[in-house]
Amino acid sequence: MTTEPDKQELLIVTGMSGAGRSTVANALEDLGWYVVDNLPPQMLRPLVDLVERAGTTLPKIAAVVDIRGRDLFGDFRETVQSLQHGIQVRVIFLEARDDVLVRRFESVRRPHPLQGEGTLLDGIAAERARLFSVRESSDIVIDTSDLNVHRLATTTTELFAAEGTAGVQVTIMSFGFKYGLPTDVDMVADARFLPNPFWIPELRGHTGEDTEVRDFVLAQEGATDFIDGYAAALTPVLAGYQRENKRHATIGIGCTGGKHRSVAMARELSSRLEKLPGVVVNIKHRDLGRE
């Protein structure tokens, strides 16, 4: 979804309790939005003033406004209309069928905020009536009845990710097996099938970041075949991560000491993966520099 260039933006997230506001808020936060939860509508004006004063340091802010504001919610439409000066304001409304909302509330064993002494359905009906005009004036309405949390997060990403925003941030981490497996990796590859430059005197003092070591490693039988095959295997995985809204992935490549083979192979794999759409790659050498 396009927005006016260089214009600060406020996205108001509202809708039915249990329809997924927290999921949308988390997805927006992952996209770099500054998110404020449970904000009374009357606090929107001071929030906009803050955004305008912050300038480019706070270009995108999302405010979750919901029925927990109780009586304050009655001024919502008027409040939103008063904000449409100098800043782009949009409203996203989340809803779901009554039976779905009942099931969601029962699964977490929490009462509806408007339930009082009545039933869940009584609270849902009261909220739906109170929010009717808000829904009608919203810019975007999403029915989350048939969306799980992952699909709702993906839908949010598709709607609000800025053009060029990475679908998944990939960290390729080289490491040495003798120092232990990294605890924060999603996948691990082993480069110890290649000859070790450590045993070549003129290469021992260098690392996989140096041209002579990298050329030696990549010239070994099976090295480029492995990189080609691994990059091809990771292509559908990273595309699937983006569809499932998995925003970060860490791929470990190990050798004995984490100095030569794994470093060179990590650099080569990075050059392949960074060409994939929606993928941004960072390289981390965990054990480079250890004795």
C-alpha atoms as a PDB file:
ATOM      1  CA  MET A   1       0.000   0.000   0.000  1.00  0.00           C
ATOM      2  CA  THR A   2       1.475   3.330  -1.049  1.00  0.00           C
ATOM      3  CA  THR A   3       1.607   6.425   1.119  1.00  0.00           C
ATOM      4  CA  GLU A   4       2.546  10.010   0.402  1.00  0.00           C
ATOM      5  CA  PRO A   5       6.341  10.253   0.196  1.00  0.00           C
ATOM      6  CA  ASP A   6       8.198  11.887   3.095  1.00  0.00           C
ATOM      7  CA  LYS A   7       4.987  12.441   5.048  1.00  0.00           C
ATOM      8  CA  GLN A   8       4.755  11.240   8.610  1.00  0.00           C
ATOM      9  CA  GLU A   9       2.141   8.603   9.172  1.00  0.00           C
ATOM     10  CA  LEU A  10      -0.131   7.562  12.023  1.00  0.00           C
ATOM     11  CA  LEU A  11      -1.912   4.226  11.750  1.00  0.00           C
ATOM     12  CA  ILE A  12      -4.758   3.670  14.203  1.00  0.00           C
ATOM     13  CA  VAL A  13      -5.374  -0.019  14.888  1.00  0.00           C
ATOM     14  CA  THR A  14      -8.821  -0.738  16.303  1.00  0.00           C
ATOM     15  CA  GLY A  15     -11.676  -3.219  16.037  1.00  0.00           C
ATOM     16  CA  MET A  16     -13.316  -6.059  17.903  1.00  0.00           C
ATOM     17  CA  SER A  17     -11.741  -7.493  21.027  1.00  0.00           C
ATOM     18  CA  GLY A  18     -10.208 -10.850  20.126  1.00  0.00           C
ATOM     19  CA  ALA A  19      -9.903 -10.003  16.424  1.00  0.00           C
ATOM     20  CA  GLY A  20      -6.101  -9.802  16.432  1.00  0.00           C
ATOM     21  CA  ARG A  21      -5.015  -6.288  17.360  1.00  0.00           C
ATOM     22  CA  SER A  22      -1.976  -7.553  19.288  1.00  0.00           C
ATOM     23  CA  THR A  23      -0.858  -9.665  16.333  1.00  0.00           C
ATOM     24  CA  VAL A  24      -1.106  -6.678  13.992  1.00  0.00           C
ATOM     25  CA  ALA A  25       0.733  -4.478  16.502  1.00  0.00           C
ATOM     26  CA  ASN A  26       3.579  -6.989  16.790  1.00  0.00           C
ATOM     27  CA  ALA A  27       3.856  -7.295  13.005  1.00  0.00           C
ATOM     28  CA  LEU A  28       3.997  -3.517  12.630  1.00  0.00           C
ATOM     29  CA  GLU A  29       6.690  -3.330  15.295  1.00  0.00           C
ATOM     30  CA  ASP A  30       8.725  -5.882  13.331  1.00  0.00           C
ATOM     31  CA  LEU A  31       8.390  -3.590  10.300  1.00  0.00           C
ATOM     32  CA  GLY A  32       9.920  -0.707  12.240  1.00  0.00           C
ATOM     33  CA  TRP A  33       6.769   1.125  13.324  1.00  0.00           C
ATOM     34  CA  TYR A  34       6.681   2.696  16.783  1.00  0.00           C
ATOM     35  CA  VAL A  35       3.659   1.078  18.442  1.00  0.00           C
ATOM     36  CA  VAL A  36       1.638   2.465  21.360  1.00  0.00           C
ATOM     37  CA  ASP A  37      -0.900   0.077  22.887  1.00  0.00           C
ATOM     38  CA  ASN A  38      -4.213   0.807  24.657  1.00  0.00           C
ATOM     39  CA  LEU A  39      -4.246   4.506  23.890  1.00  0.00           C
ATOM     40  CA  PRO A  40      -7.434   6.470  24.701  1.00  0.00           C
ATOM     41  CA  PRO A  41      -8.653   8.371  21.623  1.00  0.00           C
ATOM     42  CA  GLN A  42      -8.190  11.678  23.455  1.00  0.00           C
ATOM     43  CA  MET A  43      -4.461  10.956  23.667  1.00  0.00           C
ATOM     44  CA  LEU A  44      -4.110  10.768  19.886  1.00  0.00           C
ATOM     45  CA  ARG A  45      -3.734  14.534  19.502  1.00  0.00           C
ATOM     46  CA  PRO A  46      -0.791  14.790  21.951  1.00  0.00           C
ATOM     47  CA  LEU A  47       0.701  11.738  20.234  1.00  0.00           C
ATOM     48  CA  VAL A  48       0.475  13.424  16.830  1.00  0.00           C
ATOM     49  CA  ASP A  49       2.083  16.557  18.283  1.00  0.00           C
ATOM     50  CA  LEU A  50       4.936  14.411  19.542  1.00  0.00           C
ATOM     51  CA  VAL A  51       5.344  12.746  16.146  1.00  0.00           C
ATOM     52  CA  GLU A  52       5.416  16.112  14.365  1.00  0.00           C
ATOM     53  CA  ARG A  53       8.069  17.439  16.753  1.00  0.00           C
ATOM     54  CA  ALA A  54      10.150  14.276  16.364  1.00  0.00           C
ATOM     55  CA  GLY A  55      10.286  14.731  12.587  1.00  0.00           C
ATOM     56  CA  THR A  56      12.122  12.044  10.653  1.00  0.00           C
ATOM     57  CA  THR A  57      13.156  10.217  13.840  1.00  0.00           C
ATOM     58  CA  LEU A  58       9.545   9.006  14.210  1.00  0.00           C
ATOM     59  CA  PRO A  59       8.198   8.694  10.661  1.00  0.00           C
ATOM     60  CA  LYS A  60       5.719   5.861  11.302  1.00  0.00           C
ATOM     61  CA  ILE A  61       3.714   5.334  14.447  1.00  0.00           C
ATOM     62  CA  ALA A  62       0.839   2.967  15.181  1.00  0.00           C
ATOM     63  CA  ALA A  63      -1.635   3.416  18.016  1.00  0.00           C
ATOM     64  CA  VAL A  64      -3.846   0.561  19.241  1.00  0.00           C
ATOM     65  CA  VAL A  65      -7.175   2.052  20.288  1.00  0.00           C
ATOM     66  CA  ASP A  66      -9.886  -0.260  21.548  1.00  0.00           C
ATOM     67  CA  ILE A  67     -12.978  -0.627  23.674  1.00  0.00           C
ATOM     68  CA  ARG A  68     -10.893  -0.625  26.844  1.00  0.00           C
ATOM     69  CA  GLY A  69     -11.225   3.150  26.517  1.00  0.00           C
ATOM     70  CA  ARG A  70     -14.918   2.674  27.409  1.00  0.00           C
ATOM     71  CA  ASP A  71     -16.709   6.056  27.396  1.00  0.00           C
ATOM     72  CA  LEU A  72     -13.737   7.789  25.785  1.00  0.00           C
ATOM     73  CA  PHE A  73     -14.436   5.782  22.635  1.00  0.00           C
ATOM     74  CA  GLY A  74     -17.513   7.855  21.824  1.00  0.00           C
ATOM     75  CA  ASP A  75     -15.360  10.740  20.500  1.00  0.00           C
ATOM     76  CA  PHE A  76     -13.288   8.524  18.209  1.00  0.00           C
ATOM     77  CA  ARG A  77     -14.530   9.724  14.821  1.00  0.00           C
ATOM     78  CA  GLU A  78     -14.289  13.384  15.750  1.00  0.00           C
ATOM     79  CA  THR A  79     -10.823  12.879  17.168  1.00  0.00           C
ATOM     80  CA  VAL A  80      -9.566  11.152  14.008  1.00  0.00           C
ATOM     81  CA  GLN A  81     -10.974  13.890  11.777  1.00  0.00           C
ATOM     82  CA  SER A  82      -9.182  16.533  13.808  1.00  0.00           C
ATOM     83  CA  LEU A  83      -5.825  14.844  13.184  1.00  0.00           C
ATOM     84  CA  GLN A  84      -5.884  15.086   9.384  1.00  0.00           C
ATOM     85  CA  HIS A  85      -3.500  18.043   9.188  1.00  0.00           C
ATOM     86  CA  GLY A  86       0.198  17.747   8.405  1.00  0.00           C
ATOM     87  CA  ILE A  87       0.268  14.011   9.012  1.00  0.00           C
ATOM     88  CA  GLN A  88      -1.233  11.071   7.179  1.00  0.00           C
ATOM     89  CA  VAL A  89      -3.764   9.229   9.341  1.00  0.00           C
ATOM     90  CA  ARG A  90      -5.287   5.871   8.454  1.00  0.00           C
ATOM     91  CA  VAL A  91      -7.543   3.555  10.444  1.00  0.00           C
ATOM     92  CA  ILE A  92      -7.429  -0.242  10.250  1.00  0.00           C
ATOM     93  CA  PHE A  93     -10.380  -2.107  11.719  1.00  0.00           C
ATOM     94  CA  LEU A  94     -10.210  -5.790  12.668  1.00  0.00           C
ATOM     95  CA  GLU A  95     -13.318  -7.902  12.981  1.00  0.00           C
ATOM     96  CA  ALA A  96     -14.319 -11.572  13.155  1.00  0.00           C
ATOM     97  CA  ARG A  97     -17.489 -13.649  13.312  1.00  0.00           C
ATOM     98  CA  ASP A  98     -19.209 -14.017  16.681  1.00  0.00           C
ATOM     99  CA  ASP A  99     -18.529 -17.760  16.912  1.00  0.00           C
ATOM    100  CA  VAL A 100     -14.828 -17.209  16.241  1.00  0.00           C
ATOM    101  CA  LEU A 101     -14.584 -14.476  18.880  1.00  0.00           C
ATOM    102  CA  VAL A 102     -16.350 -16.686  21.421  1.00  0.00           C
ATOM    103  CA  ARG A 103     -13.927 -19.520  20.714  1.00  0.00           C
ATOM    104  CA  ARG A 104     -10.923 -17.234  21.069  1.00  0.00           C
ATOM    105  CA  PHE A 105     -12.115 -15.799  24.393  1.00  0.00           C
ATOM    106  CA  GLU A 106     -12.876 -19.273  25.710  1.00  0.00           C
ATOM    107  CA  SER A 107      -9.430 -20.529  24.711  1.00  0.00           C
ATOM    108  CA  VAL A 108      -7.720 -17.858  26.838  1.00  0.00           C
ATOM    109  CA  ARG A 109     -10.388 -18.037  29.600  1.00  0.00           C
ATOM    110  CA  ARG A 110     -10.883 -14.293  29.777  1.00  0.00           C
ATOM    111  CA  PRO A 111     -14.159 -12.348  29.896  1.00  0.00           C
ATOM    112  CA  HIS A 112     -15.129  -9.857  27.226  1.00  0.00           C
ATOM    113  CA  PRO A 113     -14.440  -6.266  28.391  1.00  0.00           C
ATOM    114  CA  LEU A 114     -18.133  -5.357  27.917  1.00  0.00           C
ATOM    115  CA  GLN A 115     -19.551  -8.645  29.182  1.00  0.00           C
ATOM    116  CA  GLY A 116     -20.399  -7.501  32.701  1.00  0.00           C
ATOM    117  CA  GLU A 117     -22.883  -9.919  34.262  1.00  0.00           C
ATOM    118  CA  GLY A 118     -23.987 -11.217  30.860  1.00  0.00           C
ATOM    119  CA  THR A 119     -22.553 -13.767  28.442  1.00  0.00           C
ATOM    120  CA  LEU A 120     -19.673 -13.529  25.996  1.00  0.00           C
ATOM    121  CA  LEU A 121     -22.153 -12.997  23.191  1.00  0.00           C
ATOM    122  CA  ASP A 122     -23.743 -10.129  25.116  1.00  0.00           C
ATOM    123  CA  GLY A 123     -20.364  -8.401  25.373  1.00  0.00           C
ATOM    124  CA  ILE A 124     -19.558  -9.018  21.707  1.00  0.00           C
ATOM    125  CA  ALA A 125     -22.938  -7.650  20.592  1.00  0.00           C
ATOM    126  CA  ALA A 126     -22.494  -4.526  22.717  1.00  0.00           C
ATOM    127  CA  GLU A 127     -19.032  -3.919  21.329  1.00  0.00           C
ATOM    128  CA  ARG A 128     -20.120  -4.487  17.742  1.00  0.00           C
ATOM    129  CA  ALA A 129     -22.932  -1.950  18.134  1.00  0.00           C
ATOM    130  CA  ARG A 130     -20.635   0.612  19.748  1.00  0.00           C
ATOM    131  CA  LEU A 131     -18.001   0.236  17.012  1.00  0.00           C
ATOM    132  CA  PHE A 132     -20.358   0.201  14.034  1.00  0.00           C
ATOM    133  CA  SER A 133     -19.686   3.800  12.994  1.00  0.00           C
ATOM    134  CA  VAL A 134     -15.947   3.351  13.533  1.00  0.00           C
ATOM    135  CA  ARG A 135     -15.937   0.357  11.212  1.00  0.00           C
ATOM    136  CA  GLU A 136     -17.875   2.243   8.545  1.00  0.00           C
ATOM    137  CA  SER A 137     -15.361   5.101   8.524  1.00  0.00           C
ATOM    138  CA  SER A 138     -12.198   2.955   8.591  1.00  0.00           C
ATOM    139  CA  ASP A 139      -9.728   2.940   5.687  1.00  0.00           C
ATOM    140  CA  ILE A 140      -9.019  -0.796   5.914  1.00  0.00           C
ATOM    141  CA  VAL A 141     -11.255  -3.541   7.302  1.00  0.00           C
ATOM    142  CA  ILE A 142      -9.830  -7.040   7.809  1.00  0.00           C
ATOM    143  CA  ASP A 143     -11.974 -10.020   8.738  1.00  0.00           C
ATOM    144  CA  THR A 144      -9.657 -12.308  10.705  1.00  0.00           C
ATOM    145  CA  SER A 145     -12.176 -15.147  11.164  1.00  0.00           C
ATOM    146  CA  ASP A 146     -10.248 -17.519   8.911  1.00  0.00           C
ATOM    147  CA  LEU A 147      -6.741 -16.205   9.619  1.00  0.00           C
ATOM    148  CA  ASN A 148      -4.378 -17.718  12.149  1.00  0.00           C
ATOM    149  CA  VAL A 149      -1.816 -15.455  13.814  1.00  0.00           C
ATOM    150  CA  HIS A 150       0.810 -16.199  11.153  1.00  0.00           C
ATOM    151  CA  ARG A 151      -1.453 -15.395   8.226  1.00  0.00           C
ATOM    152  CA  LEU A 152      -2.680 -12.212   9.909  1.00  0.00           C
ATOM    153  CA  ALA A 153       0.916 -11.107  10.508  1.00  0.00           C
ATOM    154  CA  THR A 154       1.718 -11.861   6.861  1.00  0.00           C
ATOM    155  CA  THR A 155      -1.324  -9.880   5.710  1.00  0.00           C
ATOM    156  CA  THR A 156      -0.178  -6.947   7.839  1.00  0.00           C
ATOM    157  CA  THR A 157       3.297  -7.138   6.343  1.00  0.00           C
ATOM    158  CA  GLU A 158       1.920  -7.181   2.815  1.00  0.00           C
ATOM    159  CA  LEU A 159      -0.198  -4.116   3.556  1.00  0.00           C
ATOM    160  CA  PHE A 160       2.280  -1.961   5.421  1.00  0.00           C
ATOM    161  CA  ALA A 161       5.837  -3.007   4.541  1.00  0.00           C
ATOM    162  CA  ALA A 162       7.623  -0.135   2.846  1.00  0.00           C
ATOM    163  CA  GLU A 163       8.757  -0.764  -0.697  1.00  0.00           C
ATOM    164  CA  GLY A 164      12.136  -2.471  -0.604  1.00  0.00           C
ATOM    165  CA  THR A 165      11.727  -3.641   2.995  1.00  0.00           C
ATOM    166  CA  ALA A 166      13.352  -7.016   3.496  1.00  0.00           C
ATOM    167  CA  GLY A 167      10.962  -9.912   3.831  1.00  0.00           C
ATOM    168  CA  VAL A 168      13.545 -11.779   5.909  1.00  0.00           C
ATOM    169  CA  GLN A 169      16.805 -10.733   7.539  1.00  0.00           C
ATOM    170  CA  VAL A 170      19.340 -13.544   7.197  1.00  0.00           C
ATOM    171  CA  THR A 171      22.452 -13.770   9.343  1.00  0.00           C
ATOM    172  CA  ILE A 172      25.119 -16.175   8.097  1.00  0.00           C
ATOM    173  CA  MET A 173      27.331 -17.101  11.027  1.00  0.00           C
ATOM    174  CA  SER A 174      30.690 -18.802  10.669  1.00  0.00           C
ATOM    175  CA  PHE A 175      31.899 -20.680  13.747  1.00  0.00           C
ATOM    176  CA  GLY A 176      34.314 -23.300  14.999  1.00  0.00           C
ATOM    177  CA  PHE A 177      32.938 -26.645  16.112  1.00  0.00           C
ATOM    178  CA  LYS A 178      35.681 -26.940  18.731  1.00  0.00           C
ATOM    179  CA  TYR A 179      34.110 -23.960  20.531  1.00  0.00           C
ATOM    180  CA  GLY A 180      30.641 -25.507  20.489  1.00  0.00           C
ATOM    181  CA  LEU A 181      27.552 -25.166  18.331  1.00  0.00           C
ATOM    182  CA  PRO A 182      25.866 -21.737  18.303  1.00  0.00           C
ATOM    183  CA  THR A 183      22.645 -21.772  20.310  1.00  0.00           C
ATOM    184  CA  ASP A 184      20.829 -19.198  18.197  1.00  0.00           C
ATOM    185  CA  VAL A 185      20.944 -20.713  14.698  1.00  0.00           C
ATOM    186  CA  ASP A 186      18.062 -22.113  12.657  1.00  0.00           C
ATOM    187  CA  MET A 187      20.185 -24.294  10.365  1.00  0.00           C
ATOM    188  CA  VAL A 188      23.764 -25.573  10.466  1.00  0.00           C
ATOM    189  CA  ALA A 189      26.112 -26.608   7.645  1.00  0.00           C
ATOM    190  CA  ASP A 190      29.476 -28.324   8.042  1.00  0.00           C
ATOM    191  CA  ALA A 191      32.500 -27.198   5.971  1.00  0.00           C
ATOM    192  CA  ARG A 192      34.891 -29.741   7.475  1.00  0.00           C
ATOM    193  CA  PHE A 193      34.619 -31.918   4.366  1.00  0.00           C
ATOM    194  CA  LEU A 194      37.125 -29.545   2.734  1.00  0.00           C
ATOM    195  CA  PRO A 195      40.912 -29.610   3.269  1.00  0.00           C
ATOM    196  CA  ASN A 196      41.933 -27.373   6.147  1.00  0.00           C
ATOM    197  CA  PRO A 197      44.140 -24.377   5.208  1.00  0.00           C
ATOM    198  CA  PHE A 198      45.464 -24.456   8.769  1.00  0.00           C
ATOM    199  CA  TRP A 199      47.867 -27.221   7.710  1.00  0.00           C
ATOM    200  CA  ILE A 200      49.365 -25.118   4.923  1.00  0.00           C
ATOM    201  CA  PRO A 201      52.067 -22.928   6.514  1.00  0.00           C
ATOM    202  CA  GLU A 202      51.638 -19.956   4.170  1.00  0.00           C
ATOM    203  CA  LEU A 203      47.848 -19.887   4.815  1.00  0.00           C
ATOM    204  CA  ARG A 204      47.765 -20.674   8.533  1.00  0.00           C
ATOM    205  CA  GLY A 205      48.162 -17.068   9.664  1.00  0.00           C
ATOM    206  CA  HIS A 206      45.477 -15.790   7.322  1.00  0.00           C
ATOM    207  CA  THR A 207      41.698 -16.105   7.506  1.00  0.00           C
ATOM    208  CA  GLY A 208      38.838 -16.851   5.144  1.00  0.00           C
ATOM    209  CA  GLU A 209      38.457 -13.109   4.687  1.00  0.00           C
ATOM    210  CA  ASP A 210      41.795 -13.048   2.865  1.00  0.00           C
ATOM    211  CA  THR A 211      41.839 -13.654  -0.885  1.00  0.00           C
ATOM    212  CA  GLU A 212      44.482 -16.387  -0.810  1.00  0.00           C
ATOM    213  CA  VAL A 213      42.533 -18.472   1.710  1.00  0.00           C
ATOM    214  CA  ARG A 214      39.183 -17.907   0.012  1.00  0.00           C
ATOM    215  CA  ASP A 215      40.611 -18.877  -3.376  1.00  0.00           C
ATOM    216  CA  PHE A 216      42.143 -22.015  -1.887  1.00  0.00           C
ATOM    217  CA  VAL A 217      38.908 -23.091  -0.171  1.00  0.00           C
ATOM    218  CA  LEU A 218      36.683 -22.482  -3.190  1.00  0.00           C
ATOM    219  CA  ALA A 219      39.102 -24.291  -5.492  1.00  0.00           C
ATOM    220  CA  GLN A 220      38.714 -27.548  -3.542  1.00  0.00           C
ATOM    221  CA  GLU A 221      36.644 -30.359  -5.002  1.00  0.00           C
ATOM    222  CA  GLY A 222      33.011 -30.071  -3.953  1.00  0.00           C
ATOM    223  CA  ALA A 223      33.215 -26.528  -2.534  1.00  0.00           C
ATOM    224  CA  THR A 224      31.281 -24.665  -5.232  1.00  0.00           C
ATOM    225  CA  ASP A 225      28.960 -27.652  -5.747  1.00  0.00           C
ATOM    226  CA  PHE A 226      28.075 -27.465  -2.070  1.00  0.00           C
ATOM    227  CA  ILE A 227      27.454 -23.706  -2.165  1.00  0.00           C
ATOM    228  CA  ASP A 228      25.341 -24.006  -5.320  1.00  0.00           C
ATOM    229  CA  GLY A 229      23.283 -26.830  -3.861  1.00  0.00           C
ATOM    230  CA  TYR A 230      22.861 -25.239  -0.448  1.00  0.00           C
ATOM    231  CA  ALA A 231      21.805 -21.891  -1.917  1.00  0.00           C
ATOM    232  CA  ALA A 232      19.291 -23.708  -4.131  1.00  0.00           C
ATOM    233  CA  ALA A 233      17.918 -25.614  -1.123  1.00  0.00           C
ATOM    234  CA  LEU A 234      17.609 -22.415   0.924  1.00  0.00           C
ATOM    235  CA  THR A 235      15.752 -20.513  -1.817  1.00  0.00           C
ATOM    236  CA  PRO A 236      12.312 -22.102  -1.185  1.00  0.00           C
ATOM    237  CA  VAL A 237      12.969 -22.059   2.576  1.00  0.00           C
ATOM    238  CA  LEU A 238      13.544 -18.299   2.669  1.00  0.00           C
ATOM    239  CA  ALA A 239      10.570 -17.699   0.374  1.00  0.00           C
ATOM    240  CA  GLY A 240       8.457 -19.784   2.755  1.00  0.00           C
ATOM    241  CA  TYR A 241       9.754 -17.822   5.739  1.00  0.00           C
ATOM    242  CA  GLN A 242       8.506 -14.634   4.097  1.00  0.00           C
ATOM    243  CA  ARG A 243       5.078 -16.147   3.429  1.00  0.00           C
ATOM    244  CA  GLU A 244       4.866 -17.286   7.053  1.00  0.00           C
ATOM    245  CA  ASN A 245       6.129 -13.920   8.312  1.00  0.00           C
ATOM    246  CA  LYS A 246       9.306 -15.323   9.864  1.00  0.00           C
ATOM    247  CA  ARG A 247      11.344 -12.133   9.772  1.00  0.00           C
ATOM    248  CA  HIS A 248      14.745 -13.389  10.908  1.00  0.00           C
ATOM    249  CA  ALA A 249      16.834 -16.467  10.168  1.00  0.00           C
ATOM    250  CA  THR A 250      20.357 -17.462  11.194  1.00  0.00           C
ATOM    251  CA  ILE A 251      22.367 -19.969   9.183  1.00  0.00           C
ATOM    252  CA  GLY A 252      25.501 -21.402  10.755  1.00  0.00           C
ATOM    253  CA  ILE A 253      28.486 -22.701   8.781  1.00  0.00           C
ATOM    254  CA  GLY A 254      31.137 -24.410  10.850  1.00  0.00           C
ATOM    255  CA  CYS A 255      34.648 -25.726  10.453  1.00  0.00           C
ATOM    256  CA  THR A 256      37.126 -26.840  13.081  1.00  0.00           C
ATOM    257  CA  GLY A 257      38.312 -23.466  14.382  1.00  0.00           C
ATOM    258  CA  GLY A 258      35.996 -21.008  12.657  1.00  0.00           C
ATOM    259  CA  LYS A 259      38.854 -19.194  10.997  1.00  0.00           C
ATOM    260  CA  HIS A 260      39.367 -20.435   7.435  1.00  0.00           C
ATOM    261  CA  ARG A 261      36.848 -22.698   5.684  1.00  0.00           C
ATOM    262  CA  SER A 262      33.672 -21.575   7.418  1.00  0.00           C
ATOM    263  CA  VAL A 263      34.561 -17.896   6.948  1.00  0.00           C
ATOM    264  CA  ALA A 264      35.230 -18.301   3.227  1.00  0.00           C
ATOM    265  CA  MET A 265      32.104 -20.419   2.689  1.00  0.00           C
ATOM    266  CA  ALA A 266      29.933 -17.988   4.655  1.00  0.00           C
ATOM    267  CA  ARG A 267      31.098 -15.138   2.442  1.00  0.00           C
ATOM    268  CA  GLU A 268      30.392 -17.131  -0.723  1.00  0.00           C
ATOM    269  CA  LEU A 269      26.949 -18.247   0.440  1.00  0.00           C
ATOM    270  CA  SER A 270      26.113 -14.649   1.296  1.00  0.00           C
ATOM    271  CA  SER A 271      26.870 -13.548  -2.261  1.00  0.00           C
ATOM    272  CA  ARG A 272      24.294 -16.069  -3.536  1.00  0.00           C
ATOM    273  CA  LEU A 273      21.511 -15.431  -1.017  1.00  0.00           C
ATOM    274  CA  GLU A 274      21.635 -11.627  -1.201  1.00  0.00           C
ATOM    275  CA  LYS A 275      20.410 -11.898  -4.798  1.00  0.00           C
ATOM    276  CA  LEU A 276      17.122 -13.467  -3.682  1.00  0.00           C
ATOM    277  CA  PRO A 277      14.055 -11.193  -3.625  1.00  0.00           C
ATOM    278  CA  GLY A 278      13.101  -9.862  -0.196  1.00  0.00           C
ATOM    279  CA  VAL A 279      16.288 -11.151   1.463  1.00  0.00           C
ATOM    280  CA  VAL A 280      18.892  -9.024   3.248  1.00  0.00           C
ATOM    281  CA  VAL A 281      22.028 -10.834   4.385  1.00  0.00           C
ATOM    282  CA  ASN A 282      24.439 -10.016   7.203  1.00  0.00           C
ATOM    283  CA  ILE A 283      27.594 -11.978   8.012  1.00  0.00           C
ATOM    284  CA  LYS A 284      28.875 -12.700  11.503  1.00  0.00           C
ATOM    285  CA  HIS A 285      32.123 -14.526  12.240  1.00  0.00           C
ATOM    286  CA  ARG A 286      31.656 -15.802  15.778  1.00  0.00           C
ATOM    287  CA  ASP A 287      35.094 -17.260  16.396  1.00  0.00           C
ATOM    288  CA  LEU A 288      37.314 -15.236  14.104  1.00  0.00           C
ATOM    289  CA  GLY A 289      40.181 -13.879  16.198  1.00  0.00           C
ATOM    290  CA  ARG A 290      40.144 -16.619  18.816  1.00  0.00           C
ATOM    291  CA  GLU A 291      43.461 -18.243  19.608  1.00  0.00           C
END
